Structures are given as structure tokens and as C-alpha cells.
Amino acid sequence: MKVGFGSVVISAGVTGILSFCFLALAIGTEYWYIIEDKRSNHTDNNHLHSGLWGVSDDVQPFSEPPPSLSDSEIHMQNMHNVIAILLPLSLVLLVFGGICGLVSSLARSRALLMGAASYFLLCSLLTLSGVSLYITYSQQALEMTERRMGPEQMALVHTSFGWSMGMAWLSFILEVITGFLLLISARMAQLIQYQETVAPI
């Protein structure tokens, strides 16, 4: 079964839209990090969740920093600021990438399709960087909390990544797929132009 140019660009459009929706959902929700605190003095806050912009309730691993910040806390704050820039920036760039992809597919221009493909792959790198940095940030925050609370207290606190993180990973995968589909469509557009050129001969 031969796949046509239209099917490929439509598939790229669908994956591009889904990647935008998943990333928007991930950024807008607060289930990036799940904290289950089983300590006896935290019975009211035994199941908490954290997003990119804060936490649902007061919780030790992501509590408000003291007035006097240490170097490690300043580093953590700077890391969080970078995350808060990278992921929304990737989301905004996806909108322009979708417009470029639409124009390129309508024009059937190999150069424009290659540019749109590169654009989506760049967006995927930004998304991957933001998600990877969030994982590093979470691990370092957990290590700082363990040093402050001690291993015995931390044994009663269970942490895991939530479904918002999963949505961000899905967005990254779909961005990569979109980029490769656009690369394929660029190759197909080149073949179509070649066939149209040699047909009269």
C-alpha cells in the first residue's frame, strides 16, 4: 500500500496538534510530582502533588525557602526558573511550528518542509531539556530534604512522578514524530516535483 503525500502531512498535522495539547496539559496541571507523607504529624497532608508553579499544600520537599538562601538553594531556584522558561517557550514555538508546517504542506515546498521539520525537532529538544531539568531538580530537592530531615523521616515519605510528567514525555515523542514525518513529506515533495518536471519529456 503506497502512502501519499497528503496522508503523511495530515499525520504530521495530527501528531503536531496532539503534542501541543499534551504539553499544554502538562504545563497547566499540578501532577508532576506526587508526595505521600506517612509521618504521624502530617496526617492531614498525606497525599500531595506538585506542579511547575508550586505545590498544592505546604510540604517539606518543596517548602518555601528561608529568608537567607544558601548557594544550593539559589542554584535550585535558578534551575526552577529555567524550567519555567523552557517548557512554555516550547509550547509557544509549537504554535508557530504548526503554522509553518501548514504553509509548507500547502506549498509542497521541499525547503519549507525541511525548515518546518527542523523547527519541530528544535521544539522537541527544548521540551526534552525542560523535562530532564525538572527530573534533576526534583532529585536534588529530594536529596536536600533528606539531609535536612534524616533518612528515618524520609523513609516515611514516598515520592514519584505523576501523569503530568507523562504528558510532557508524550509531547516530546510526538514532536519528534512530527519532525520526521515532515522530513518524509519533504522528500516526497521533491520526488513529486521531479516527476512533474520529467513527465512532459
Protein backbone atom coordinates (compact mmCIF):
# COMPACT_ATOMS: atom_id res chain seq x y z
CA MET A 1 0.00 0.00 0.00
CA LYS A 2 1.53 3.27 -1.14
CA VAL A 3 1.28 6.19 1.24
CA GLY A 4 0.60 9.51 -0.42
CA PHE A 5 1.97 12.97 0.31
CA GLY A 6 -1.38 14.11 1.70
CA SER A 7 -1.57 11.24 4.20
CA VAL A 8 1.90 12.00 5.53
CA VAL A 9 1.29 15.72 6.03
CA ILE A 10 -2.10 15.05 7.64
CA SER A 11 -0.45 12.59 10.02
CA ALA A 12 2.19 15.21 10.81
CA GLY A 13 -0.57 17.74 11.50
CA VAL A 14 -2.37 15.36 13.86
CA THR A 15 0.78 14.49 15.81
CA GLY A 16 1.74 18.17 15.95
CA ILE A 17 -1.65 19.16 17.38
CA LEU A 18 -1.53 16.31 19.90
CA SER A 19 1.98 17.30 21.00
CA PHE A 20 0.76 20.85 21.64
CA CYS A 21 -2.28 19.63 23.59
CA PHE A 22 -0.26 17.23 25.73
CA LEU A 23 2.37 19.85 26.56
CA ALA A 24 -0.28 22.47 27.38
CA LEU A 25 -2.00 19.93 29.63
CA ALA A 26 1.29 19.08 31.34
CA ILE A 27 2.20 22.73 31.97
CA GLY A 28 -1.29 23.63 33.20
CA THR A 29 -1.69 20.74 35.66
CA GLU A 30 -0.09 20.07 39.04
CA TYR A 31 0.67 16.36 38.93
CA TRP A 32 4.34 16.44 38.00
CA TYR A 33 5.44 15.18 41.40
CA ILE A 34 3.42 13.11 43.87
CA ILE A 35 4.34 13.16 47.57
CA GLU A 36 2.83 10.68 50.01
CA ASP A 37 3.73 11.62 53.58
CA LYS A 38 3.02 8.90 56.16
CA ARG A 39 4.54 10.69 59.16
CA SER A 40 2.21 10.84 62.15
CA ASN A 41 2.42 14.63 62.43
CA HIS A 42 1.42 15.09 58.78
CA THR A 43 -1.79 13.10 58.68
CA ASP A 44 -3.73 16.00 57.14
CA ASN A 45 -1.32 16.29 54.22
CA ASN A 46 -0.65 12.63 53.50
CA HIS A 47 -1.08 12.85 49.72
CA LEU A 48 0.18 15.99 47.97
CA HIS A 49 1.09 16.89 44.41
CA SER A 50 3.37 19.45 42.84
CA GLY A 51 3.33 21.27 39.52
CA LEU A 52 5.77 23.54 37.71
CA TRP A 53 4.50 26.59 39.57
CA GLY A 54 4.32 25.28 43.14
CA VAL A 55 2.66 22.72 45.37
CA SER A 56 -0.92 22.03 46.34
CA ASP A 57 -0.16 22.36 50.07
CA ASP A 58 2.78 23.01 52.38
CA VAL A 59 5.18 20.08 52.03
CA GLN A 60 8.76 19.56 53.11
CA PRO A 61 10.44 18.67 49.81
CA PHE A 62 9.17 21.84 48.12
CA SER A 63 8.57 24.14 51.07
CA GLU A 64 9.14 27.88 50.95
CA PRO A 65 12.84 28.75 51.17
CA PRO A 66 14.06 30.54 54.29
CA PRO A 67 14.80 34.28 54.11
CA SER A 68 18.55 33.60 53.92
CA LEU A 69 19.24 31.38 50.93
CA SER A 70 22.27 29.11 50.71
CA ASP A 71 24.21 28.60 47.49
CA SER A 72 22.48 25.27 46.85
CA GLU A 73 19.05 26.85 47.36
CA ILE A 74 19.92 29.68 44.98
CA HIS A 75 21.05 27.07 42.45
CA MET A 76 17.75 25.23 42.88
CA GLN A 77 15.78 28.45 42.43
CA ASN A 78 17.71 29.30 39.25
CA MET A 79 17.13 25.78 37.92
CA HIS A 80 13.39 26.13 38.54
CA ASN A 81 13.36 29.48 36.74
CA VAL A 82 14.99 27.90 33.68
CA ILE A 83 12.37 25.11 33.67
CA ALA A 84 9.59 27.70 33.90
CA ILE A 85 11.01 29.36 30.76
CA LEU A 86 11.92 26.32 28.63
CA LEU A 87 8.60 24.46 28.66
CA PRO A 88 6.27 27.44 28.00
CA LEU A 89 8.71 28.61 25.30
CA SER A 90 8.50 25.21 23.64
CA LEU A 91 4.70 25.44 23.79
CA VAL A 92 4.68 28.86 22.08
CA LEU A 93 7.12 27.67 19.43
CA LEU A 94 4.85 24.72 18.64
CA VAL A 95 2.14 27.16 17.58
CA PHE A 96 4.44 28.83 15.06
CA GLY A 97 5.72 25.42 14.00
CA GLY A 98 2.19 24.34 13.22
CA ILE A 99 1.64 27.43 11.06
CA CYS A 100 4.91 26.84 9.23
CA GLY A 101 4.03 23.19 8.69
CA LEU A 102 0.62 24.08 7.27
CA VAL A 103 2.02 26.66 4.85
CA SER A 104 4.83 24.31 3.81
CA SER A 105 2.48 21.42 3.10
CA LEU A 106 0.13 23.59 1.05
CA ALA A 107 3.04 24.95 -0.96
CA ARG A 108 4.59 21.49 -1.30
CA SER A 109 7.94 23.16 -0.94
CA ARG A 110 10.81 20.87 -0.02
CA ALA A 111 12.80 23.72 1.53
CA LEU A 112 9.89 24.93 3.64
CA LEU A 113 9.02 21.39 4.76
CA MET A 114 12.65 20.81 5.75
CA GLY A 115 12.57 24.04 7.72
CA ALA A 116 9.34 23.08 9.47
CA ALA A 117 10.77 19.66 10.31
CA SER A 118 13.90 21.23 11.80
CA TYR A 119 11.68 23.62 13.74
CA PHE A 120 9.71 20.78 15.35
CA LEU A 121 12.88 18.89 16.18
CA LEU A 122 14.19 22.05 17.87
CA CYS A 123 10.96 22.26 19.88
CA SER A 124 11.43 18.65 20.92
CA LEU A 125 14.92 19.47 22.21
CA LEU A 126 13.53 22.32 24.30
CA THR A 127 10.82 20.05 25.71
CA LEU A 128 13.35 17.31 26.46
CA SER A 129 15.67 19.81 28.13
CA GLY A 130 12.86 21.16 30.30
CA VAL A 131 11.64 17.72 31.38
CA SER A 132 15.16 16.42 32.03
CA LEU A 133 15.99 19.51 34.04
CA TYR A 134 12.82 19.05 36.10
CA ILE A 135 13.86 15.47 36.90
CA THR A 136 17.29 16.71 38.03
CA TYR A 137 15.65 19.49 40.04
CA SER A 138 13.31 17.04 41.78
CA GLN A 139 16.14 14.65 42.64
CA GLN A 140 18.28 17.43 44.09
CA ALA A 141 15.34 18.80 46.07
CA LEU A 142 14.74 15.32 47.48
CA GLU A 143 18.41 14.97 48.46
CA MET A 144 18.35 18.35 50.20
CA THR A 145 15.21 17.36 52.08
CA GLU A 146 16.72 14.03 53.12
CA ARG A 147 19.78 15.80 54.53
CA ARG A 148 17.53 18.15 56.48
CA MET A 149 15.04 15.56 57.76
CA GLY A 150 17.24 12.49 58.07
CA PRO A 151 16.84 9.03 56.50
CA GLU A 152 14.43 7.79 59.18
CA GLN A 153 11.88 10.52 58.50
CA MET A 154 12.35 10.27 54.74
CA ALA A 155 11.62 6.54 54.89
CA LEU A 156 8.03 7.54 55.68
CA VAL A 157 7.79 9.89 52.69
CA HIS A 158 7.15 8.26 49.30
CA THR A 159 7.70 10.33 46.16
CA SER A 160 7.02 9.60 42.49
CA PHE A 161 6.46 11.41 39.21
CA GLY A 162 2.84 11.96 38.18
CA TRP A 163 0.84 11.87 34.98
CA SER A 164 1.65 15.49 34.11
CA MET A 165 5.24 14.39 33.61
CA GLY A 166 3.95 11.56 31.40
CA MET A 167 2.06 14.08 29.25
CA ALA A 168 5.25 16.09 28.76
CA TRP A 169 7.13 12.95 27.68
CA LEU A 170 4.35 12.09 25.22
CA SER A 171 4.54 15.61 23.82
CA PHE A 172 8.28 15.22 23.28
CA ILE A 173 7.82 11.90 21.46
CA LEU A 174 5.08 13.35 19.24
CA GLU A 175 7.19 16.39 18.41
CA VAL A 176 9.97 14.09 17.21
CA ILE A 177 7.49 12.02 15.18
CA THR A 178 6.09 15.22 13.63
CA GLY A 179 9.57 16.34 12.66
CA PHE A 180 10.37 13.04 10.97
CA LEU A 181 7.02 12.96 9.16
CA LEU A 182 7.75 16.42 7.79
CA LEU A 183 11.18 15.23 6.67
CA ILE A 184 9.50 12.35 4.84
CA SER A 185 6.99 14.72 3.26
CA ALA A 186 9.85 16.97 2.13
CA ARG A 187 11.42 14.00 0.35
CA MET A 188 8.07 13.12 -1.20
CA ALA A 189 7.57 16.72 -2.36
CA GLN A 190 10.96 16.58 -4.06
CA LEU A 191 10.00 13.37 -5.88
CA ILE A 192 6.67 14.87 -6.96
CA GLN A 193 8.40 17.94 -8.36
CA TYR A 194 10.89 15.74 -10.19
CA GLN A 195 8.12 13.60 -11.70
CA GLU A 196 6.23 16.71 -12.80
CA THR A 197 9.40 18.02 -14.43
CA VAL A 198 10.23 14.85 -16.39
CA ALA A 199 6.63 13.94 -17.27
CA PRO A 200 6.40 16.13 -20.40
CA ILE A 201 9.67 14.66 -21.64
